[in-house]
């Protein structure tokens, strides 16, 4: 219940005030956010994924024209954050290694690096020289804290003792017994826990976890590479993703990827689905068949269908896609139209109507949308087109 109250009230308030220009409000927002991140991050993954870019990265990544006070607040906030290795690892695992999340840790480190490097030569800035130097120093402190925290975390996973603790241990061994062995025994016991029989056993689960994290990150990077390639050359992107086993080779698996993967260019998805080659054509059929249009009104089904991609500009590609859509709609709703041809004509008409109604380049809009199609279900088309004109044109 407490976590639910945080999500319902505190996060909403934080969302409203995070972009405030008042320094005291922004400082309070950062303070609340670091408390949430430190204590409740396990139950607030989605919320942190929104607030971290909005509160921290938005300010951190503004190198040339930052608000000096806001950026110093963020840098000091990060300095506190970066000394906690577990928080850093949690951010990296839950966001940078999650294919459905943004790379928060990577963006944070890159933002700190750019801040430490300063404003690029030739770029105008609102910062005074002393302010620029101060921010560079704070950013360097954060980067050093990140490196130290990551080193400490890896040492724990590999069970490598802290060199400072080793020095203390050596000093303790050289101290003569004084009749009060509790301190020396305590250090010795801790040393034995690290160096004793456990270290000769199978690799710890923590080491396995570190390896799993590395694999997850590599998986995401390779997937992002494939998505980036798809957004330039769709066919090449699909070929690459199949070759590195990020997508299955069957049309159904490729269709599922195009339907659910984030980061894909919707225009290029439409271009790929409209291709006439064997594989893209099978993928398009599998993509359309993955929709369930049972009980949907015709215009609603079109909206749901076109939500995941944009229709290509080539008429032949639109024709192939909408013909398959009409077939699928009629299969899900066999009593609405007497044939798939009627649904196809109506679907194509709706696309033209939508273009006419919402394209700014079309100056003379249609005032009525009644189309006579000989050899088709004329009554259905007339009624449907009158209703759809009022619905699509609004």
Protein backbone atom coordinates (compact mmCIF):
# COMPACT_ATOMS: atom_id res chain seq x y z
CA UNK A 1 0.00 0.00 0.00
CA UNK A 2 2.84 2.37 0.83
CA UNK A 3 4.52 1.76 -2.52
CA UNK A 4 1.17 2.24 -4.23
CA UNK A 5 0.76 5.59 -2.49
CA UNK A 6 4.23 6.62 -3.66
CA UNK A 7 3.29 5.80 -7.25
CA UNK A 8 -0.09 7.50 -7.07
CA UNK A 9 0.76 10.70 -5.22
CA UNK A 10 4.50 11.30 -4.82
CA UNK A 11 5.50 10.31 -8.36
CA UNK A 12 2.71 12.44 -9.80
CA UNK A 13 3.88 15.44 -7.78
CA UNK A 14 7.47 14.78 -8.81
CA UNK A 15 6.41 14.64 -12.45
CA UNK A 16 4.68 18.02 -12.20
CA UNK A 17 7.59 19.75 -10.44
CA UNK A 18 10.63 18.15 -12.10
CA UNK A 19 10.77 20.76 -14.86
CA UNK A 20 10.36 23.72 -12.52
CA UNK A 21 12.69 26.67 -13.09
CA UNK A 22 12.69 27.48 -9.38
CA UNK A 23 15.99 26.23 -7.98
CA UNK A 24 14.59 25.31 -4.58
CA UNK A 25 11.83 23.22 -6.20
CA UNK A 26 14.30 21.52 -8.53
CA UNK A 27 16.64 20.78 -5.62
CA UNK A 28 13.80 19.26 -3.63
CA UNK A 29 12.78 17.15 -6.65
CA UNK A 30 16.34 15.79 -6.91
CA UNK A 31 16.42 15.06 -3.19
CA UNK A 32 13.14 13.14 -3.36
CA UNK A 33 14.28 11.27 -6.44
CA UNK A 34 17.54 10.09 -4.86
CA UNK A 35 15.54 8.84 -1.86
CA UNK A 36 13.24 6.86 -4.15
CA UNK A 37 16.20 5.52 -6.10
CA UNK A 38 18.05 4.48 -2.95
CA UNK A 39 15.17 2.86 -1.06
CA UNK A 40 12.37 1.87 -3.43
CA UNK A 41 14.00 1.21 -6.81
CA UNK A 42 12.96 -2.46 -6.77
CA UNK A 43 9.30 -1.47 -7.07
CA UNK A 44 9.68 1.66 -9.19
CA UNK A 45 11.50 0.50 -12.30
CA UNK A 46 9.15 2.16 -14.78
CA UNK A 47 8.96 5.38 -12.78
CA UNK A 48 12.74 5.66 -12.40
CA UNK A 49 13.07 4.99 -16.13
CA UNK A 50 10.98 8.13 -16.70
CA UNK A 51 12.36 10.39 -13.96
CA UNK A 52 16.07 9.72 -14.45
CA UNK A 53 16.15 11.13 -18.00
CA UNK A 54 13.69 13.89 -17.12
CA UNK A 55 15.38 15.15 -13.96
CA UNK A 56 19.03 14.13 -14.31
CA UNK A 57 19.97 13.45 -17.93
CA UNK A 58 18.06 16.42 -19.35
CA UNK A 59 20.26 18.77 -17.32
CA UNK A 60 23.45 16.71 -17.46
CA UNK A 61 23.51 16.39 -21.26
CA UNK A 62 23.16 20.15 -21.78
CA UNK A 63 26.86 21.02 -22.01
CA UNK A 64 26.92 24.34 -23.87
CA UNK A 65 23.93 26.25 -22.46
CA UNK A 66 23.20 24.81 -19.01
CA UNK A 67 21.64 26.45 -16.00
CA UNK A 68 24.70 26.49 -13.75
CA UNK A 69 22.81 26.07 -10.48
CA UNK A 70 20.67 23.21 -11.79
CA UNK A 71 23.65 21.40 -13.24
CA UNK A 72 25.65 21.70 -10.03
CA UNK A 73 22.69 20.24 -8.12
CA UNK A 74 22.60 17.31 -10.55
CA UNK A 75 26.38 16.76 -10.39
CA UNK A 76 26.36 16.71 -6.58
CA UNK A 77 23.39 14.36 -6.67
CA UNK A 78 25.35 12.05 -8.99
CA UNK A 79 28.43 12.27 -6.79
CA UNK A 80 26.37 10.84 -3.93
CA UNK A 81 24.85 8.25 -6.23
CA UNK A 82 28.10 7.04 -7.80
CA UNK A 83 29.70 5.96 -4.52
CA UNK A 84 27.05 3.24 -4.16
CA UNK A 85 28.19 0.42 -6.42
CA UNK A 86 24.96 -1.56 -5.98
CA UNK A 87 22.80 1.29 -7.24
CA UNK A 88 25.03 1.70 -10.29
CA UNK A 89 24.89 -2.02 -11.04
CA UNK A 90 21.11 -2.05 -10.59
CA UNK A 91 20.73 0.84 -13.03
CA UNK A 92 22.98 -0.87 -15.56
CA UNK A 93 21.23 -4.24 -15.29
CA UNK A 94 17.65 -2.97 -15.27
CA UNK A 95 17.98 -0.38 -18.02
CA UNK A 96 21.15 -0.74 -20.12
CA UNK A 97 20.77 -4.54 -20.26
CA UNK A 98 17.00 -4.47 -20.83
CA UNK A 99 16.03 -4.41 -24.50
CA UNK A 100 12.84 -2.51 -23.66
CA UNK A 101 14.55 0.26 -21.66
CA UNK A 102 16.81 3.17 -22.51
CA UNK A 103 20.55 3.12 -21.73
CA UNK A 104 20.46 5.25 -18.59
CA UNK A 105 23.88 4.26 -17.24
CA UNK A 106 25.55 4.81 -20.62
CA UNK A 107 23.92 8.21 -21.06
CA UNK A 108 24.89 9.22 -17.54
CA UNK A 109 28.57 8.33 -18.05
CA UNK A 110 28.65 9.99 -21.47
CA UNK A 111 27.07 13.12 -20.01
CA UNK A 112 29.65 13.23 -17.24
CA UNK A 113 32.44 12.69 -19.76
CA UNK A 114 31.26 15.53 -22.00
CA UNK A 115 30.88 17.82 -19.00
CA UNK A 116 34.40 16.96 -17.81
CA UNK A 117 35.76 17.69 -21.29
CA UNK A 118 34.05 21.07 -21.34
CA UNK A 119 32.42 23.04 -24.11
CA UNK A 120 33.80 22.11 -27.55
CA UNK A 121 35.94 24.79 -29.24
CA UNK A 122 33.95 27.25 -31.30
CA UNK A 123 30.66 26.57 -29.49
CA UNK A 124 29.13 29.51 -27.64
CA UNK A 125 28.31 29.01 -23.98
CA UNK A 126 26.56 30.86 -21.18
CA UNK A 127 29.09 29.63 -18.62
CA UNK A 128 31.71 31.88 -17.09
CA UNK A 129 35.25 30.42 -16.96
CA UNK A 130 35.13 29.79 -13.17
CA UNK A 131 31.76 28.04 -13.54
CA UNK A 132 33.11 25.88 -16.37
CA UNK A 133 36.10 24.82 -14.25
CA UNK A 134 33.89 24.04 -11.25
CA UNK A 135 31.59 21.83 -13.34
CA UNK A 136 34.53 20.01 -14.90
CA UNK A 137 35.93 19.19 -11.46
CA UNK A 138 32.56 17.94 -10.20
CA UNK A 139 32.11 15.77 -13.29
CA UNK A 140 35.61 14.31 -12.82
CA UNK A 141 34.77 13.47 -9.20
CA UNK A 142 31.69 11.59 -10.38
CA UNK A 143 33.63 9.66 -13.03
CA UNK A 144 36.29 8.68 -10.51
CA UNK A 145 33.56 7.55 -8.11
CA UNK A 146 31.99 5.42 -10.87
CA UNK A 147 35.32 3.73 -11.65
CA UNK A 148 36.06 3.09 -7.99
CA UNK A 149 32.58 1.71 -7.33
CA UNK A 150 32.76 -0.60 -10.33
CA UNK A 151 36.19 -1.82 -9.25
CA UNK A 152 34.97 -2.48 -5.72
CA UNK A 153 31.91 -4.33 -7.01
CA UNK A 154 33.98 -6.59 -9.28
CA UNK A 155 36.42 -7.29 -6.46
CA UNK A 156 33.50 -8.48 -4.34
CA UNK A 157 32.22 -10.74 -7.12
CA UNK A 158 35.68 -12.23 -7.68
CA UNK A 159 36.34 -12.37 -3.92
CA UNK A 160 39.46 -10.25 -4.20
CA UNK A 161 40.22 -8.68 -0.82
CA UNK A 162 40.43 -4.93 -0.51
CA UNK A 163 44.13 -3.93 -0.59
CA UNK A 164 43.50 -1.49 2.25
CA UNK A 165 42.08 -4.32 4.35
CA UNK A 166 45.13 -6.46 3.50
CA UNK A 167 47.45 -3.75 4.77
CA UNK A 168 45.46 -3.52 7.99
CA UNK A 169 45.66 -7.29 8.32
CA UNK A 170 49.46 -7.27 7.94
CA UNK A 171 49.75 -4.57 10.58
CA UNK A 172 47.50 -6.53 12.92
CA UNK A 173 49.63 -9.67 12.48
CA UNK A 174 52.71 -7.73 13.62
CA UNK A 175 51.06 -6.47 16.81
CA UNK A 176 51.99 -8.58 19.88
CA UNK A 177 49.14 -10.25 21.77
CA UNK A 178 47.88 -7.99 24.55
CA UNK A 179 45.37 -10.25 26.23
CA UNK A 180 42.49 -8.72 24.27
CA UNK A 181 42.43 -10.70 21.00
CA UNK A 182 38.93 -9.74 19.88
CA UNK A 183 39.97 -7.17 17.26
CA UNK A 184 42.77 -9.34 15.81
CA UNK A 185 40.54 -12.42 15.78
CA UNK A 186 37.81 -10.47 14.04
CA UNK A 187 40.15 -9.43 11.22
CA UNK A 188 41.60 -12.94 10.93
CA UNK A 189 38.15 -14.51 10.70
CA UNK A 190 37.12 -12.10 7.96
CA UNK A 191 40.36 -12.87 6.10
CA UNK A 192 39.75 -16.60 6.37
CA UNK A 193 36.25 -16.15 5.00
CA UNK A 194 37.69 -14.61 1.85
CA UNK A 195 40.86 -16.64 1.48
CA UNK A 196 39.83 -19.97 3.01
CA UNK A 197 38.28 -23.12 1.62
CA UNK A 198 35.39 -21.28 -0.07
CA UNK A 199 37.77 -19.68 -2.54
CA UNK A 200 38.81 -23.15 -3.80
CA UNK A 201 35.22 -24.20 -4.54
CA UNK A 202 33.18 -23.70 -7.70
CA UNK A 203 32.83 -20.12 -8.98
CA UNK A 204 30.33 -18.21 -6.88
CA UNK A 205 26.85 -17.32 -8.03
CA UNK A 206 27.91 -13.69 -8.00
CA UNK A 207 30.52 -14.37 -10.68
CA UNK A 208 27.88 -16.19 -12.72
CA UNK A 209 25.63 -13.17 -12.27
CA UNK A 210 28.38 -10.89 -13.58
CA UNK A 211 28.76 -13.12 -16.63
CA UNK A 212 24.99 -13.11 -17.18
CA UNK A 213 24.96 -9.31 -17.01
CA UNK A 214 27.69 -9.16 -19.63
CA UNK A 215 25.73 -11.51 -21.89
CA UNK A 216 22.54 -9.48 -21.52
CA UNK A 217 24.36 -6.27 -22.39
CA UNK A 218 26.00 -7.89 -25.43
CA UNK A 219 22.59 -9.19 -26.53
CA UNK A 220 21.08 -5.71 -26.31
CA UNK A 221 23.96 -4.05 -28.17
CA UNK A 222 23.71 -6.58 -31.00
CA UNK A 223 19.94 -6.17 -31.13
CA UNK A 224 20.29 -2.38 -31.28
CA UNK A 225 22.81 -2.74 -34.09
CA UNK A 226 20.29 -4.79 -36.04
CA UNK A 227 17.50 -2.27 -35.37
CA UNK A 228 19.76 0.57 -36.49
CA UNK A 229 20.55 -1.33 -39.70
CA UNK A 230 16.84 -2.05 -40.26
CA UNK A 231 16.10 1.67 -39.96
CA UNK A 232 18.50 2.27 -42.85
CA UNK A 233 18.00 -0.85 -44.96
CA UNK A 234 15.09 -3.03 -43.75
CA UNK A 235 16.01 -6.19 -45.67
CA UNK A 236 19.65 -6.03 -44.56
CA UNK A 237 18.53 -5.43 -40.99
CA UNK A 238 16.31 -8.52 -40.95
CA UNK A 239 19.09 -10.61 -42.52
CA UNK A 240 21.54 -9.43 -39.86
CA UNK A 241 19.14 -10.09 -36.98
CA UNK A 242 18.48 -13.60 -38.26
CA UNK A 243 22.21 -14.29 -38.71
CA UNK A 244 22.99 -13.33 -35.09
CA UNK A 245 19.98 -15.28 -33.74
CA UNK A 246 18.13 -12.23 -32.45
CA UNK A 247 15.12 -13.05 -34.61
CA UNK A 248 13.89 -16.41 -35.84
CA UNK A 249 13.92 -17.14 -39.56
CA UNK A 250 10.23 -18.02 -39.89
CA UNK A 251 7.78 -15.39 -41.21
CA UNK A 252 5.78 -15.63 -37.98
CA UNK A 253 8.82 -14.83 -35.83
CA UNK A 254 9.87 -11.93 -38.03
CA UNK A 255 6.31 -10.59 -37.99
CA UNK A 256 6.21 -10.79 -34.20
CA UNK A 257 9.49 -8.87 -34.03
CA UNK A 258 8.21 -6.12 -36.35
CA UNK A 259 5.03 -5.89 -34.31
CA UNK A 260 6.55 -5.76 -30.83
CA UNK A 261 10.15 -4.50 -31.05
CA UNK A 262 10.77 -0.93 -29.92
CA UNK A 263 12.93 1.49 -31.88
CA UNK A 264 11.90 0.39 -35.37
CA UNK A 265 11.03 3.08 -37.91
CA UNK A 266 7.31 2.71 -38.63
CA UNK A 267 7.65 4.00 -42.19
CA UNK A 268 10.30 1.40 -42.97
CA UNK A 269 8.20 -1.35 -41.38
CA UNK A 270 5.46 -0.45 -43.85
CA UNK A 271 7.91 -0.44 -46.75
CA UNK A 272 9.18 -3.88 -45.78
CA UNK A 273 5.68 -5.33 -45.38
CA UNK A 274 4.71 -4.02 -48.80
CA UNK A 275 7.57 -5.72 -50.66
CA UNK A 276 6.64 -8.41 -53.20
CA UNK A 277 9.62 -10.72 -52.58
CA UNK A 278 8.80 -14.11 -51.12
CA UNK A 279 9.98 -13.58 -47.52
CA UNK A 280 8.60 -10.04 -46.95
CA UNK A 281 5.30 -11.14 -48.51
CA UNK A 282 5.04 -14.13 -46.16
CA UNK A 283 6.00 -11.88 -43.24
CA UNK A 284 3.25 -9.42 -44.19
CA UNK A 285 0.69 -12.24 -44.29
CA UNK A 286 1.86 -13.50 -40.89
CA UNK A 287 1.79 -9.93 -39.53
CA UNK A 288 -1.81 -9.36 -40.63
CA UNK A 289 -2.92 -12.80 -39.44
CA UNK A 290 -1.58 -12.02 -35.95
CA UNK A 291 -4.44 -9.51 -35.43
CA UNK A 292 -7.79 -10.47 -33.99
CA UNK A 293 -10.50 -8.23 -35.45
CA UNK A 294 -13.47 -10.15 -34.03
CA UNK A 295 -16.34 -7.80 -33.17
CA UNK A 296 -14.51 -4.64 -34.28
CA UNK A 297 -16.07 -1.95 -36.43
CA UNK A 298 -14.33 -1.65 -39.78
CA UNK A 299 -12.75 1.76 -39.15
CA UNK A 300 -11.64 0.70 -35.67
CA UNK A 301 -9.96 -2.39 -37.12
CA UNK A 302 -8.07 -0.24 -39.64
CA UNK A 303 -6.87 2.07 -36.85
CA UNK A 304 -5.68 -0.87 -34.76
CA UNK A 305 -3.98 -2.42 -37.78
CA UNK A 306 -2.16 0.74 -38.85
CA UNK A 307 -1.05 1.65 -35.35
CA UNK A 308 2.19 -0.31 -35.67
CA UNK A 309 3.42 1.00 -39.03
CA UNK A 310 2.84 3.62 -41.69
CA UNK A 311 1.52 2.66 -45.08
CA UNK A 312 4.14 3.02 -47.83
CA UNK A 313 3.74 5.62 -50.54
CA UNK A 314 3.76 3.16 -53.43
CA UNK A 315 0.26 2.24 -54.57
CA UNK A 316 1.14 -1.40 -55.28
CA UNK A 317 2.47 -1.88 -51.75
CA UNK A 318 -0.67 -0.34 -50.24
CA UNK A 319 -2.75 -2.60 -52.47
CA UNK A 320 -1.03 -5.78 -51.25
CA UNK A 321 -1.29 -4.82 -47.59
CA UNK A 322 -4.93 -3.68 -47.65
CA UNK A 323 -6.02 -6.70 -49.70
CA UNK A 324 -4.62 -8.99 -47.02
CA UNK A 325 -6.18 -6.83 -44.29
CA UNK A 326 -9.60 -7.14 -45.94
CA UNK A 327 -9.23 -10.91 -46.16
CA UNK A 328 -8.32 -11.11 -42.46
CA UNK A 329 -11.16 -8.82 -41.38
CA UNK A 330 -13.71 -10.89 -43.29
CA UNK A 331 -12.33 -14.08 -41.77
CA UNK A 332 -12.77 -12.62 -38.27
CA UNK A 333 -16.18 -11.10 -39.11
CA UNK A 334 -17.75 -13.33 -41.79
CA UNK A 335 -21.22 -11.73 -41.59
CA UNK A 336 -20.22 -8.08 -42.11
CA UNK A 337 -19.42 -8.23 -45.84
CA UNK A 338 -20.58 -10.62 -48.53
CA UNK A 339 -17.03 -10.88 -49.88
CA UNK A 340 -13.47 -9.82 -49.12
CA UNK A 341 -13.53 -7.73 -52.33
CA UNK A 342 -16.14 -5.43 -50.79
CA UNK A 343 -14.02 -5.01 -47.66
CA UNK A 344 -10.94 -4.36 -49.79
CA UNK A 345 -12.64 -1.59 -51.81
CA UNK A 346 -13.93 0.01 -48.63
CA UNK A 347 -10.52 -0.25 -46.95
CA UNK A 348 -8.78 1.39 -49.89
CA UNK A 349 -11.47 4.08 -49.94
CA UNK A 350 -10.88 4.79 -46.25
CA UNK A 351 -7.16 5.23 -46.89
CA UNK A 352 -7.89 7.74 -49.66
CA UNK A 353 -10.42 9.53 -47.45
CA UNK A 354 -7.94 9.76 -44.60
CA UNK A 355 -5.32 11.23 -46.94
CA UNK A 356 -7.82 13.77 -48.28
CA UNK A 357 -9.10 14.76 -44.86
CA UNK A 358 -5.78 15.15 -43.04
CA UNK A 359 -3.19 16.01 -45.69
CA UNK A 360 -2.44 19.74 -45.60
CA UNK A 361 -1.40 19.64 -49.27
CA UNK A 362 -4.98 18.82 -50.32
CA UNK A 363 -6.81 22.16 -50.46
CA UNK A 364 -10.15 21.08 -51.92
CA UNK A 365 -11.57 18.63 -49.40
CA UNK A 366 -14.40 16.29 -50.33
CA UNK A 367 -17.72 17.30 -48.80
CA UNK A 368 -19.41 13.94 -49.24
CA UNK A 369 -17.99 10.47 -49.64
CA UNK A 370 -20.30 8.29 -51.67
CA UNK A 371 -18.59 6.00 -54.19
CA UNK A 372 -20.42 3.75 -56.59
CA UNK A 373 -18.66 0.46 -57.17
CA UNK A 374 -20.37 -1.65 -59.77
CA UNK A 375 -20.31 -5.43 -59.23
CA UNK A 376 -19.82 -5.03 -55.48
CA UNK A 377 -22.16 -4.91 -52.50
CA UNK A 378 -23.45 -1.42 -53.36
CA UNK A 379 -25.75 -1.04 -50.39
CA UNK A 380 -23.04 -1.85 -47.86
CA UNK A 381 -20.55 0.48 -49.55
CA UNK A 382 -22.97 3.41 -49.65
CA UNK A 383 -23.97 3.10 -46.01
CA UNK A 384 -20.44 2.39 -44.83
CA UNK A 385 -18.89 5.27 -46.75
CA UNK A 386 -21.40 7.81 -45.43
CA UNK A 387 -20.68 6.73 -41.85
CA UNK A 388 -16.93 6.53 -42.37
CA UNK A 389 -16.77 10.01 -43.89
CA UNK A 390 -18.20 11.47 -40.70
CA UNK A 391 -15.92 9.31 -38.55
CA UNK A 392 -12.60 9.47 -40.41
CA UNK A 393 -12.94 13.11 -41.40
CA UNK A 394 -13.26 14.46 -37.86
